[in-house]
PDB file of N, CA and C in Angstrom:
ATOM      1  N   MET A   1     301.412 -96.024 240.625  1.00  0.00           N
ATOM      2  CA  MET A   1     301.039 -95.153 241.566  1.00  0.00           C
ATOM      3  C   MET A   1     299.665 -95.747 242.096  1.00  0.00           C
ATOM      4  N   ALA A   2     298.798 -96.061 241.506  1.00  0.00           N
ATOM      5  CA  ALA A   2     297.429 -96.793 241.922  1.00  0.00           C
ATOM      6  C   ALA A   2     297.578 -97.590 242.914  1.00  0.00           C
ATOM      7  N   TRP A   3     298.542 -98.465 242.846  1.00  0.00           N
ATOM      8  CA  TRP A   3     298.561 -99.664 243.781  1.00  0.00           C
ATOM      9  C   TRP A   3     299.129 -98.927 245.154  1.00  0.00           C
ATOM     10  N   ARG A   4     299.905 -97.979 245.145  1.00  0.00           N
ATOM     11  CA  ARG A   4     300.230 -97.180 246.533  1.00  0.00           C
ATOM     12  C   ARG A   4     299.139 -96.709 247.290  1.00  0.00           C
ATOM     13  N   GLY A   5     298.292 -96.265 246.398  1.00  0.00           N
ATOM     14  CA  GLY A   5     296.662 -95.732 247.160  1.00  0.00           C
ATOM     15  C   GLY A   5     296.168 -97.109 247.616  1.00  0.00           C
ATOM     16  N   ILE A   6     296.225 -97.844 246.995  1.00  0.00           N
ATOM     17  CA  ILE A   6     295.490 -98.947 247.531  1.00  0.00           C
ATOM     18  C   ILE A   6     296.021 -99.708 248.691  1.00  0.00           C
ATOM     19  N   LEU A   7     297.345 -99.839 248.825  1.00  0.00           N
ATOM     20  CA  LEU A   7     297.877-100.162 249.797  1.00  0.00           C
ATOM     21  C   LEU A   7     297.970 -99.232 251.013  1.00  0.00           C
ATOM     22  N   VAL A   8     297.928 -98.004 250.896  1.00  0.00           N
ATOM     23  CA  VAL A   8     297.802 -97.137 251.942  1.00  0.00           C
ATOM     24  C   VAL A   8     296.421 -97.184 252.615  1.00  0.00           C
ATOM     25  N   LEU A   9     295.240 -97.335 251.755  1.00  0.00           N
ATOM     26  CA  LEU A   9     294.079 -97.666 252.226  1.00  0.00           C
ATOM     27  C   LEU A   9     294.030 -98.781 253.071  1.00  0.00           C
ATOM     28  N   ALA A  10     294.493 -99.877 252.325  1.00  0.00           N
ATOM     29  CA  ALA A  10     294.348-101.202 253.133  1.00  0.00           C
ATOM     30  C   ALA A  10     295.102-101.071 254.441  1.00  0.00           C
ATOM     31  N   MET A  11     296.037-100.603 254.660  1.00  0.00           N
ATOM     32  CA  MET A  11     296.885-100.599 255.833  1.00  0.00           C
ATOM     33  C   MET A  11     296.250 -99.575 256.772  1.00  0.00           C
ATOM     34  N   THR A  12     295.572 -98.412 256.246  1.00  0.00           N
ATOM     35  CA  THR A  12     294.731 -97.751 256.951  1.00  0.00           C
ATOM     36  C   THR A  12     293.626 -98.129 257.904  1.00  0.00           C
ATOM     37  N   GLY A  13     292.904 -99.061 256.926  1.00  0.00           N
ATOM     38  CA  GLY A  13     291.927-100.066 257.426  1.00  0.00           C
ATOM     39  C   GLY A  13     292.301-101.196 258.480  1.00  0.00           C
ATOM     40  N   LEU A  14     293.528-101.516 258.177  1.00  0.00           N
ATOM     41  CA  LEU A  14     293.685-102.531 259.280  1.00  0.00           C
ATOM     42  C   LEU A  14     294.484-101.859 260.709  1.00  0.00           C
ATOM     43  N   CYS A  15     294.686-100.536 260.569  1.00  0.00           N
ATOM     44  CA  CYS A  15     295.253-100.052 261.787  1.00  0.00           C
ATOM     45  C   CYS A  15     293.997 -99.482 262.500  1.00  0.00           C
ATOM     46  N   ALA A  16     292.836 -99.067 261.814  1.00  0.00           N
ATOM     47  CA  ALA A  16     291.499 -98.835 262.384  1.00  0.00           C
ATOM     48  C   ALA A  16     290.932 -99.964 263.110  1.00  0.00           C
ATOM     49  N   THR A  17     291.068-101.091 262.517  1.00  0.00           N
ATOM     50  CA  THR A  17     290.415-102.180 263.001  1.00  0.00           C
ATOM     51  C   THR A  17     291.415-102.531 264.397  1.00  0.00           C
ATOM     52  N   ALA A  18     292.816-102.536 264.282  1.00  0.00           N
ATOM     53  CA  ALA A  18     293.410-103.022 265.318  1.00  0.00           C
ATOM     54  C   ALA A  18     293.093-102.008 266.592  1.00  0.00           C
ATOM     55  N   ARG A  19     292.932-100.589 266.436  1.00  0.00           N
ATOM     56  CA  ARG A  19     292.497 -99.802 267.450  1.00  0.00           C
ATOM     57  C   ARG A  19     291.381 -99.901 268.077  1.00  0.00           C
ATOM     58  N   ALA A  20     290.197-100.416 266.998  1.00  0.00           N
ATOM     59  CA  ALA A  20     288.752-100.715 267.645  1.00  0.00           C
ATOM     60  C   ALA A  20     288.673-102.050 268.525  1.00  0.00           C
ATOM     61  N   ALA A  21     289.774-102.904 268.316  1.00  0.00           N
ATOM     62  CA  ALA A  21     289.569-104.148 268.956  1.00  0.00           C
ATOM     63  C   ALA A  21     289.816-103.778 270.568  1.00  0.00           C
ATOM     64  N   THR A  22     289.075-104.288 271.390  1.00  0.00           N
ATOM     65  CA  THR A  22     288.911-104.263 272.869  1.00  0.00           C
ATOM     66  C   THR A  22     288.677-105.510 273.276  1.00  0.00           C
ATOM     67  N   PRO A  23     288.993-105.674 274.728  1.00  0.00           N
ATOM     68  CA  PRO A  23     288.564-106.909 275.175  1.00  0.00           C
ATOM     69  C   PRO A  23     286.776-107.286 274.972  1.00  0.00           C
ATOM     70  N   GLN A  24     286.288-105.988 274.992  1.00  0.00           N
ATOM     71  CA  GLN A  24     284.891-106.169 275.102  1.00  0.00           C
ATOM     72  C   GLN A  24     284.228-106.286 273.658  1.00  0.00           C
ATOM     73  N   ASP A  25     285.202-106.080 272.690  1.00  0.00           N
ATOM     74  CA  ASP A  25     284.881-106.283 271.146  1.00  0.00           C
ATOM     75  C   ASP A  25     285.347-107.564 270.500  1.00  0.00           C
ATOM     76  N   ALA A  26     286.235-107.996 271.036  1.00  0.00           N
ATOM     77  CA  ALA A  26     287.140-109.248 270.401  1.00  0.00           C
ATOM     78  C   ALA A  26     287.000-110.291 271.522  1.00  0.00           C
ATOM     79  N   PRO A  27     286.256-111.423 271.128  1.00  0.00           N
ATOM     80  CA  PRO A  27     286.300-112.459 272.041  1.00  0.00           C
ATOM     81  C   PRO A  27     287.517-113.311 272.425  1.00  0.00           C
ATOM     82  N   PHE A  28     288.529-113.279 271.544  1.00  0.00           N
ATOM     83  CA  PHE A  28     289.752-113.819 271.704  1.00  0.00           C
ATOM     84  C   PHE A  28     290.624-113.101 272.538  1.00  0.00           C
ATOM     85  N   GLU A  29     290.132-111.670 272.744  1.00  0.00           N
ATOM     86  CA  GLU A  29     291.333-110.681 273.497  1.00  0.00           C
ATOM     87  C   GLU A  29     290.334-110.344 275.111  1.00  0.00           C
ATOM     88  N   SER A  30     289.188-111.388 275.295  1.00  0.00           N
ATOM     89  CA  SER A  30     288.354-111.149 276.543  1.00  0.00           C
ATOM     90  C   SER A  30     289.194-111.969 277.555  1.00  0.00           C
ATOM     91  N   PRO A  31     289.727-111.097 278.739  1.00  0.00           N
ATOM     92  CA  PRO A  31     290.424-111.939 279.628  1.00  0.00           C
ATOM     93  C   PRO A  31     289.502-112.661 280.723  1.00  0.00           C
ATOM     94  N   THR A  32     288.282-112.338 280.679  1.00  0.00           N
ATOM     95  CA  THR A  32     287.529-113.175 281.473  1.00  0.00           C
ATOM     96  C   THR A  32     286.222-113.973 280.796  1.00  0.00           C
ATOM     97  N   VAL A  33     285.516-114.878 281.465  1.00  0.00           N
ATOM     98  CA  VAL A  33     284.564-115.325 280.941  1.00  0.00           C
ATOM     99  C   VAL A  33     283.415-114.469 280.714  1.00  0.00           C
ATOM    100  N   ARG A  34     283.130-113.559 281.524  1.00  0.00           N
ATOM    101  CA  ARG A  34     282.063-112.361 281.666  1.00  0.00           C
ATOM    102  C   ARG A  34     282.401-111.809 280.411  1.00  0.00           C
ATOM    103  N   ASP A  35     283.697-111.302 280.143  1.00  0.00           N
ATOM    104  CA  ASP A  35     283.853-110.542 278.864  1.00  0.00           C
ATOM    105  C   ASP A  35     283.653-111.108 277.621  1.00  0.00           C
ATOM    106  N   PHE A  36     284.208-112.363 277.816  1.00  0.00           N
ATOM    107  CA  PHE A  36     284.055-113.284 276.690  1.00  0.00           C
ATOM    108  C   PHE A  36     282.633-113.341 276.198  1.00  0.00           C
ATOM    109  N   LEU A  37     281.549-113.811 277.386  1.00  0.00           N
ATOM    110  CA  LEU A  37     280.269-114.060 276.779  1.00  0.00           C
ATOM    111  C   LEU A  37     279.680-112.538 276.041  1.00  0.00           C
ATOM    112  N   GLY A  38     280.012-111.463 276.845  1.00  0.00           N
ATOM    113  CA  GLY A  38     279.639-110.013 276.307  1.00  0.00           C
ATOM    114  C   GLY A  38     280.093-109.971 275.007  1.00  0.00           C
ATOM    115  N   ALA A  39     281.435-110.330 274.588  1.00  0.00           N
ATOM    116  CA  ALA A  39     281.767-110.254 272.928  1.00  0.00           C
ATOM    117  C   ALA A  39     281.145-111.278 272.172  1.00  0.00           C
ATOM    118  N   CYS A  40     280.618-112.229 272.731  1.00  0.00           N
ATOM    119  CA  CYS A  40     280.046-113.364 271.797  1.00  0.00           C
ATOM    120  C   CYS A  40     278.727-112.776 271.355  1.00  0.00           C
ATOM    121  N   THR A  41     277.967-111.961 271.994  1.00  0.00           N
ATOM    122  CA  THR A  41     276.870-111.383 271.458  1.00  0.00           C
ATOM    123  C   THR A  41     276.866-110.612 270.443  1.00  0.00           C
ATOM    124  N   ARG A  42     278.065-110.053 270.218  1.00  0.00           N
ATOM    125  CA  ARG A  42     278.446-109.099 268.907  1.00  0.00           C
ATOM    126  C   ARG A  42     279.110-109.933 267.855  1.00  0.00           C
ATOM    127  N   ASP A  43     279.743-111.188 268.177  1.00  0.00           N
ATOM    128  CA  ASP A  43     280.577-111.509 267.172  1.00  0.00           C
ATOM    129  C   ASP A  43     280.791-113.147 267.354  1.00  0.00           C
ATOM    130  N   ILE A  44     279.745-113.908 266.879  1.00  0.00           N
ATOM    131  CA  ILE A  44     279.853-115.377 267.111  1.00  0.00           C
ATOM    132  C   ILE A  44     280.952-116.172 266.331  1.00  0.00           C
ATOM    133  N   SER A  45     281.262-115.710 265.255  1.00  0.00           N
ATOM    134  CA  SER A  45     282.210-116.269 264.666  1.00  0.00           C
ATOM    135  C   SER A  45     283.709-116.300 265.361  1.00  0.00           C
ATOM    136  N   GLN A  46     284.073-115.112 265.865  1.00  0.00           N
ATOM    137  CA  GLN A  46     285.276-115.037 266.539  1.00  0.00           C
ATOM    138  C   GLN A  46     285.152-115.747 267.937  1.00  0.00           C
ATOM    139  N   CYS A  47     283.946-115.908 268.468  1.00  0.00           N
ATOM    140  CA  CYS A  47     283.765-116.748 269.529  1.00  0.00           C
ATOM    141  C   CYS A  47     283.910-118.173 269.288  1.00  0.00           C
ATOM    142  N   ASP A  48     283.505-118.448 268.408  1.00  0.00           N
ATOM    143  CA  ASP A  48     283.836-120.180 267.857  1.00  0.00           C
ATOM    144  C   ASP A  48     285.315-120.300 267.838  1.00  0.00           C
ATOM    145  N   TYR A  49     286.046-119.493 267.044  1.00  0.00           N
ATOM    146  CA  TYR A  49     287.529-119.691 266.932  1.00  0.00           C
ATOM    147  C   TYR A  49     288.053-119.679 268.256  1.00  0.00           C
ATOM    148  N   GLU A  50     287.453-118.484 269.355  1.00  0.00           N
ATOM    149  CA  GLU A  50     288.391-118.526 270.860  1.00  0.00           C
ATOM    150  C   GLU A  50     288.060-120.186 271.707  1.00  0.00           C
ATOM    151  N   ILE A  51     286.862-120.763 271.343  1.00  0.00           N
ATOM    152  CA  ILE A  51     286.268-121.963 272.065  1.00  0.00           C
ATOM    153  C   ILE A  51     287.278-122.868 271.606  1.00  0.00           C
ATOM    154  N   ARG A  52     287.551-123.176 270.231  1.00  0.00           N
ATOM    155  CA  ARG A  52     288.368-124.340 269.498  1.00  0.00           C
ATOM    156  C   ARG A  52     289.666-124.043 270.132  1.00  0.00           C
ATOM    157  N   ALA A  53     290.406-122.596 269.851  1.00  0.00           N
ATOM    158  CA  ALA A  53     291.713-122.468 270.294  1.00  0.00           C
ATOM    159  C   ALA A  53     291.930-122.772 271.664  1.00  0.00           C
ATOM    160  N   ALA A  54     290.914-122.331 272.377  1.00  0.00           N
ATOM    161  CA  ALA A  54     291.003-122.700 274.128  1.00  0.00           C
ATOM    162  C   ALA A  54     291.174-124.207 274.379  1.00  0.00           C
ATOM    163  N   LEU A  55     290.381-124.858 273.725  1.00  0.00           N
ATOM    164  CA  LEU A  55     290.333-126.426 273.971  1.00  0.00           C
ATOM    165  C   LEU A  55     291.612-126.885 273.409  1.00  0.00           C
ATOM    166  N   LEU A  56     292.413-126.504 272.243  1.00  0.00           N
ATOM    167  CA  LEU A  56     293.380-127.084 272.012  1.00  0.00           C
ATOM    168  C   LEU A  56     294.723-126.756 272.826  1.00  0.00           C
ATOM    169  N   ASP A  57     294.546-125.288 273.345  1.00  0.00           N
ATOM    170  CA  ASP A  57     295.635-124.953 274.282  1.00  0.00           C
ATOM    171  C   ASP A  57     295.589-125.824 275.574  1.00  0.00           C
ATOM    172  N   LYS A  58     294.608-125.929 276.105  1.00  0.00           N
ATOM    173  CA  LYS A  58     294.160-126.643 277.491  1.00  0.00           C
ATOM    174  C   LYS A  58     294.788-128.337 277.201  1.00  0.00           C
ATOM    175  N   LEU A  59     294.373-128.823 276.068  1.00  0.00           N
ATOM    176  CA  LEU A  59     294.533-130.102 275.788  1.00  0.00           C
ATOM    177  C   LEU A  59     296.120-130.605 275.973  1.00  0.00           C
ATOM    178  N   HIS A  60     296.816-129.480 275.635  1.00  0.00           N
ATOM    179  CA  HIS A  60     298.148-129.769 275.863  1.00  0.00           C
ATOM    180  C   HIS A  60     299.076-129.478 276.872  1.00  0.00           C
ATOM    181  N   ALA A  61     298.350-129.105 277.999  1.00  0.00           N
ATOM    182  CA  ALA A  61     298.951-128.945 279.186  1.00  0.00           C
ATOM    183  C   ALA A  61     299.132-130.418 279.982  1.00  0.00           C
ATOM    184  N   ARG A  62     300.238-130.057 280.820  1.00  0.00           N
ATOM    185  CA  ARG A  62     300.587-131.400 281.565  1.00  0.00           C
ATOM    186  C   ARG A  62     299.493-132.089 282.408  1.00  0.00           C
ATOM    187  N   ASP A  63     298.691-131.479 282.843  1.00  0.00           N
ATOM    188  CA  ASP A  63     297.493-132.169 283.838  1.00  0.00           C
ATOM    189  C   ASP A  63     296.189-132.069 282.870  1.00  0.00           C
ATOM    190  N   ALA A  64     296.505-131.922 281.640  1.00  0.00           N
ATOM    191  CA  ALA A  64     294.881-132.003 280.934  1.00  0.00           C
ATOM    192  C   ALA A  64     294.013-133.210 281.159  1.00  0.00           C
ATOM    193  N   THR A  65     292.837-133.048 281.198  1.00  0.00           N
ATOM    194  CA  THR A  65     291.654-133.927 281.321  1.00  0.00           C
ATOM    195  C   THR A  65     291.061-134.323 279.886  1.00  0.00           C
ATOM    196  N   SER A  66     290.999-135.477 279.400  1.00  0.00           N
ATOM    197  CA  SER A  66     290.738-135.828 278.251  1.00  0.00           C
ATOM    198  C   SER A  66     289.140-135.175 277.954  1.00  0.00           C
ATOM    199  N   VAL A  67     288.480-134.840 276.870  1.00  0.00           N
ATOM    200  CA  VAL A  67     287.381-134.673 276.792  1.00  0.00           C
ATOM    201  C   VAL A  67     286.958-135.480 275.466  1.00  0.00           C
ATOM    202  N   CYS A  68     285.543-135.881 275.294  1.00  0.00           N
ATOM    203  CA  CYS A  68     285.170-136.516 274.246  1.00  0.00           C
ATOM    204  C   CYS A  68     284.051-136.073 273.626  1.00  0.00           C
ATOM    205  N   LEU A  69     284.239-135.200 272.574  1.00  0.00           N
ATOM    206  CA  LEU A  69     283.316-134.509 271.808  1.00  0.00           C
ATOM    207  C   LEU A  69     282.474-135.365 270.979  1.00  0.00           C
ATOM    208  N   LYS A  70     281.197-135.158 270.966  1.00  0.00           N
ATOM    209  CA  LYS A  70     280.030-135.826 270.356  1.00  0.00           C
ATOM    210  C   LYS A  70     279.641-135.219 269.095  1.00  0.00           C
ATOM    211  N   GLY A  71     280.601-134.731 268.086  1.00  0.00           N
ATOM    212  CA  GLY A  71     280.406-134.016 266.876  1.00  0.00           C
ATOM    213  C   GLY A  71     281.052-132.632 266.942  1.00  0.00           C
ATOM    214  N   ALA A  72     280.698-132.089 265.736  1.00  0.00           N
ATOM    215  CA  ALA A  72     281.829-130.921 265.716  1.00  0.00           C
ATOM    216  C   ALA A  72     280.830-129.876 265.762  1.00  0.00           C
ATOM    217  N   HIS A  73     279.805-129.675 266.261  1.00  0.00           N
ATOM    218  CA  HIS A  73     278.947-128.564 266.858  1.00  0.00           C
ATOM    219  C   HIS A  73     278.725-128.434 268.147  1.00  0.00           C
ATOM    220  N   TYR A  74     279.706-128.035 268.996  1.00  0.00           N
ATOM    221  CA  TYR A  74     279.640-127.872 270.438  1.00  0.00           C
ATOM    222  C   TYR A  74     279.559-126.490 270.806  1.00  0.00           C
ATOM    223  N   GLN A  75     279.872-125.372 270.166  1.00  0.00           N
ATOM    224  CA  GLN A  75     280.171-123.996 270.338  1.00  0.00           C
ATOM    225  C   GLN A  75     278.892-123.597 271.447  1.00  0.00           C
ATOM    226  N   GLN A  76     277.874-123.645 270.575  1.00  0.00           N
ATOM    227  CA  GLN A  76     276.638-123.340 271.372  1.00  0.00           C
ATOM    228  C   GLN A  76     276.470-123.697 272.653  1.00  0.00           C
ATOM    229  N   ALA A  77     276.397-125.177 272.729  1.00  0.00           N
ATOM    230  CA  ALA A  77     276.511-125.776 274.056  1.00  0.00           C
ATOM    231  C   ALA A  77     277.421-125.073 275.223  1.00  0.00           C
ATOM    232  N   VAL A  78     278.946-124.902 274.762  1.00  0.00           N
ATOM    233  CA  VAL A  78     280.011-124.302 275.333  1.00  0.00           C
ATOM    234  C   VAL A  78     279.448-122.908 276.123  1.00  0.00           C
ATOM    235  N   ILE A  79     278.726-122.120 275.179  1.00  0.00           N
ATOM    236  CA  ILE A  79     278.330-120.770 275.416  1.00  0.00           C
ATOM    237  C   ILE A  79     277.150-120.841 276.454  1.00  0.00           C
ATOM    238  N   SER A  80     276.043-121.969 276.069  1.00  0.00           N
ATOM    239  CA  SER A  80     274.836-121.953 277.128  1.00  0.00           C
ATOM    240  C   SER A  80     275.504-122.318 278.353  1.00  0.00           C
ATOM    241  N   TRP A  81     276.205-123.254 278.542  1.00  0.00           N
ATOM    242  CA  TRP A  81     276.889-123.786 279.604  1.00  0.00           C
ATOM    243  C   TRP A  81     277.414-122.770 280.743  1.00  0.00           C
ATOM    244  N   LEU A  82     278.364-122.026 280.040  1.00  0.00           N
ATOM    245  CA  LEU A  82     278.923-120.689 280.679  1.00  0.00           C
ATOM    246  C   LEU A  82     278.137-119.722 281.119  1.00  0.00           C
ATOM    247  N   LYS A  83     277.023-119.311 280.191  1.00  0.00           N
ATOM    248  CA  LYS A  83     275.935-118.438 280.635  1.00  0.00           C
ATOM    249  C   LYS A  83     275.343-119.028 281.542  1.00  0.00           C
ATOM    250  N   ASP A  84     274.956-120.268 281.924  1.00  0.00           N
ATOM    251  CA  ASP A  84     274.111-120.841 283.018  1.00  0.00           C
ATOM    252  C   ASP A  84     275.414-121.091 284.482  1.00  0.00           C
ATOM    253  N   HIS A  85     276.499-120.930 284.129  1.00  0.00           N
ATOM    254  CA  HIS A  85     277.227-121.135 285.367  1.00  0.00           C
ATOM    255  C   HIS A  85     277.892-120.021 285.990  1.00  0.00           C
ATOM    256  N   SER A  86     277.345-119.128 286.630  1.00  0.00           N
ATOM    257  CA  SER A  86     277.906-117.728 286.782  1.00  0.00           C
ATOM    258  C   SER A  86     279.393-117.865 287.674  1.00  0.00           C
ATOM    259  N   GLU A  87     279.387-119.015 288.223  1.00  0.00           N
ATOM    260  CA  GLU A  87     280.534-118.952 289.099  1.00  0.00           C
ATOM    261  C   GLU A  87     281.837-118.843 288.154  1.00  0.00           C
ATOM    262  N   THR A  88     281.685-119.235 286.821  1.00  0.00           N
ATOM    263  CA  THR A  88     282.735-119.054 285.856  1.00  0.00           C
ATOM    264  C   THR A  88     282.993-117.699 285.275  1.00  0.00           C
ATOM    265  N   TRP A  89     282.117-116.986 285.602  1.00  0.00           N
ATOM    266  CA  TRP A  89     282.487-115.617 284.784  1.00  0.00           C
ATOM    267  C   TRP A  89     283.711-114.991 285.249  1.00  0.00           C
ATOM    268  N   PRO A  90     284.007-115.035 286.552  1.00  0.00           N
ATOM    269  CA  PRO A  90     285.349-114.234 286.625  1.00  0.00           C
ATOM    270  C   PRO A  90     286.530-114.988 286.488  1.00  0.00           C
ATOM    271  N   MET A  91     286.632-116.166 285.937  1.00  0.00           N
ATOM    272  CA  MET A  91     287.700-117.154 285.439  1.00  0.00           C
ATOM    273  C   MET A  91     288.348-116.499 284.331  1.00  0.00           C
ATOM    274  N   ALA A  92     289.591-116.921 284.040  1.00  0.00           N
ATOM    275  CA  ALA A  92     290.285-116.472 283.072  1.00  0.00           C
ATOM    276  C   ALA A  92     289.343-117.373 281.628  1.00  0.00           C
ATOM    277  N   THR A  93     289.284-116.582 280.657  1.00  0.00           N
ATOM    278  CA  THR A  93     288.492-117.298 279.407  1.00  0.00           C
ATOM    279  C   THR A  93     288.800-118.807 279.212  1.00  0.00           C
ATOM    280  N   GLU A  94     290.176-119.044 278.983  1.00  0.00           N
ATOM    281  CA  GLU A  94     290.463-120.440 278.486  1.00  0.00           C
ATOM    282  C   GLU A  94     289.863-121.136 279.579  1.00  0.00           C
ATOM    283  N   ASP A  95     290.467-120.916 280.925  1.00  0.00           N
ATOM    284  CA  ASP A  95     290.025-121.928 282.077  1.00  0.00           C
ATOM    285  C   ASP A  95     288.556-122.136 281.958  1.00  0.00           C
ATOM    286  N   GLY A  96     287.612-121.119 281.736  1.00  0.00           N
ATOM    287  CA  GLY A  96     286.164-121.397 281.874  1.00  0.00           C
ATOM    288  C   GLY A  96     285.804-122.030 280.592  1.00  0.00           C
ATOM    289  N   ILE A  97     286.235-121.884 279.635  1.00  0.00           N
ATOM    290  CA  ILE A  97     285.772-122.521 278.412  1.00  0.00           C
ATOM    291  C   ILE A  97     286.265-124.171 278.527  1.00  0.00           C
ATOM    292  N   TYR A  98     287.395-124.512 279.185  1.00  0.00           N
ATOM    293  CA  TYR A  98     287.704-125.665 279.362  1.00  0.00           C
ATOM    294  C   TYR A  98     286.881-126.598 280.552  1.00  0.00           C
ATOM    295  N   ALA A  99     286.464-125.660 281.452  1.00  0.00           N
ATOM    296  CA  ALA A  99     285.776-126.067 282.519  1.00  0.00           C
ATOM    297  C   ALA A  99     284.400-126.734 281.792  1.00  0.00           C
ATOM    298  N   ALA A 100     283.922-126.028 280.885  1.00  0.00           N
ATOM    299  CA  ALA A 100     282.659-126.086 280.295  1.00  0.00           C
ATOM    300  C   ALA A 100     282.773-127.490 279.444  1.00  0.00           C
ATOM    301  N   PHE A 101     284.090-127.860 278.795  1.00  0.00           N
ATOM    302  CA  PHE A 101     284.164-128.941 277.899  1.00  0.00           C
ATOM    303  C   PHE A 101     284.215-130.219 278.692  1.00  0.00           C
ATOM    304  N   LYS A 102     284.979-129.845 280.046  1.00  0.00           N
ATOM    305  CA  LYS A 102     285.124-131.120 280.884  1.00  0.00           C
ATOM    306  C   LYS A 102     283.620-131.537 281.410  1.00  0.00           C
ATOM    307  N   SER A 103     283.012-130.518 281.735  1.00  0.00           N
ATOM    308  CA  SER A 103     281.692-130.897 282.305  1.00  0.00           C
ATOM    309  C   SER A 103     280.713-131.455 281.291  1.00  0.00           C
ATOM    310  N   LEU A 104     280.652-130.833 279.986  1.00  0.00           N
ATOM    311  CA  LEU A 104     279.490-131.243 279.254  1.00  0.00           C
ATOM    312  C   LEU A 104     280.055-132.690 278.282  1.00  0.00           C
ATOM    313  N   TYR A 105     281.366-132.801 278.121  1.00  0.00           N
ATOM    314  CA  TYR A 105     282.018-133.868 277.065  1.00  0.00           C
ATOM    315  C   TYR A 105     282.837-134.560 277.825  1.00  0.00           C
ATOM    316  N   PRO A 106     282.627-135.569 279.186  1.00  0.00           N
ATOM    317  CA  PRO A 106     283.537-136.162 279.805  1.00  0.00           C
ATOM    318  C   PRO A 106     283.530-137.527 278.886  1.00  0.00           C
ATOM    319  N   CYS A 107     284.848-137.955 279.151  1.00  0.00           N
ATOM    320  CA  CYS A 107     285.151-139.350 278.389  1.00  0.00           C
ATOM    321  C   CYS A 107     284.468-140.587 279.337  1.00  0.00           C
ATOM    322  N   PRO A 108     283.981-141.532 278.972  1.00  0.00           N
ATOM    323  CA  PRO A 108     283.541-142.569 279.814  1.00  0.00           C
ATOM    324  C   PRO A 108     284.819-143.456 280.530  1.00  0.00           C
TER     325      PRO A 108
END
């Protein structure tokens, strides 16, 4: 009987979390770079996840441009670049992130 109560509480928490997630709150659901940057100020861990996911998604595209990362800590550089390039703010989030990677980490 006690496990049912725990299960109900857990499911209630999951539903509340799902309802609370909006593009402004969740970086991985942000439709534009502008929304993404706003969400990053509230949750940098999910921002890091979206940056990695966007890179992996874009590198598998047919017309992908290679990037040469110089280490494992590139998230802050990408966010800073996006903040400094307001022309990317209306872009789709993944497109803007990929533009940042191509600019910051071109291959020789």
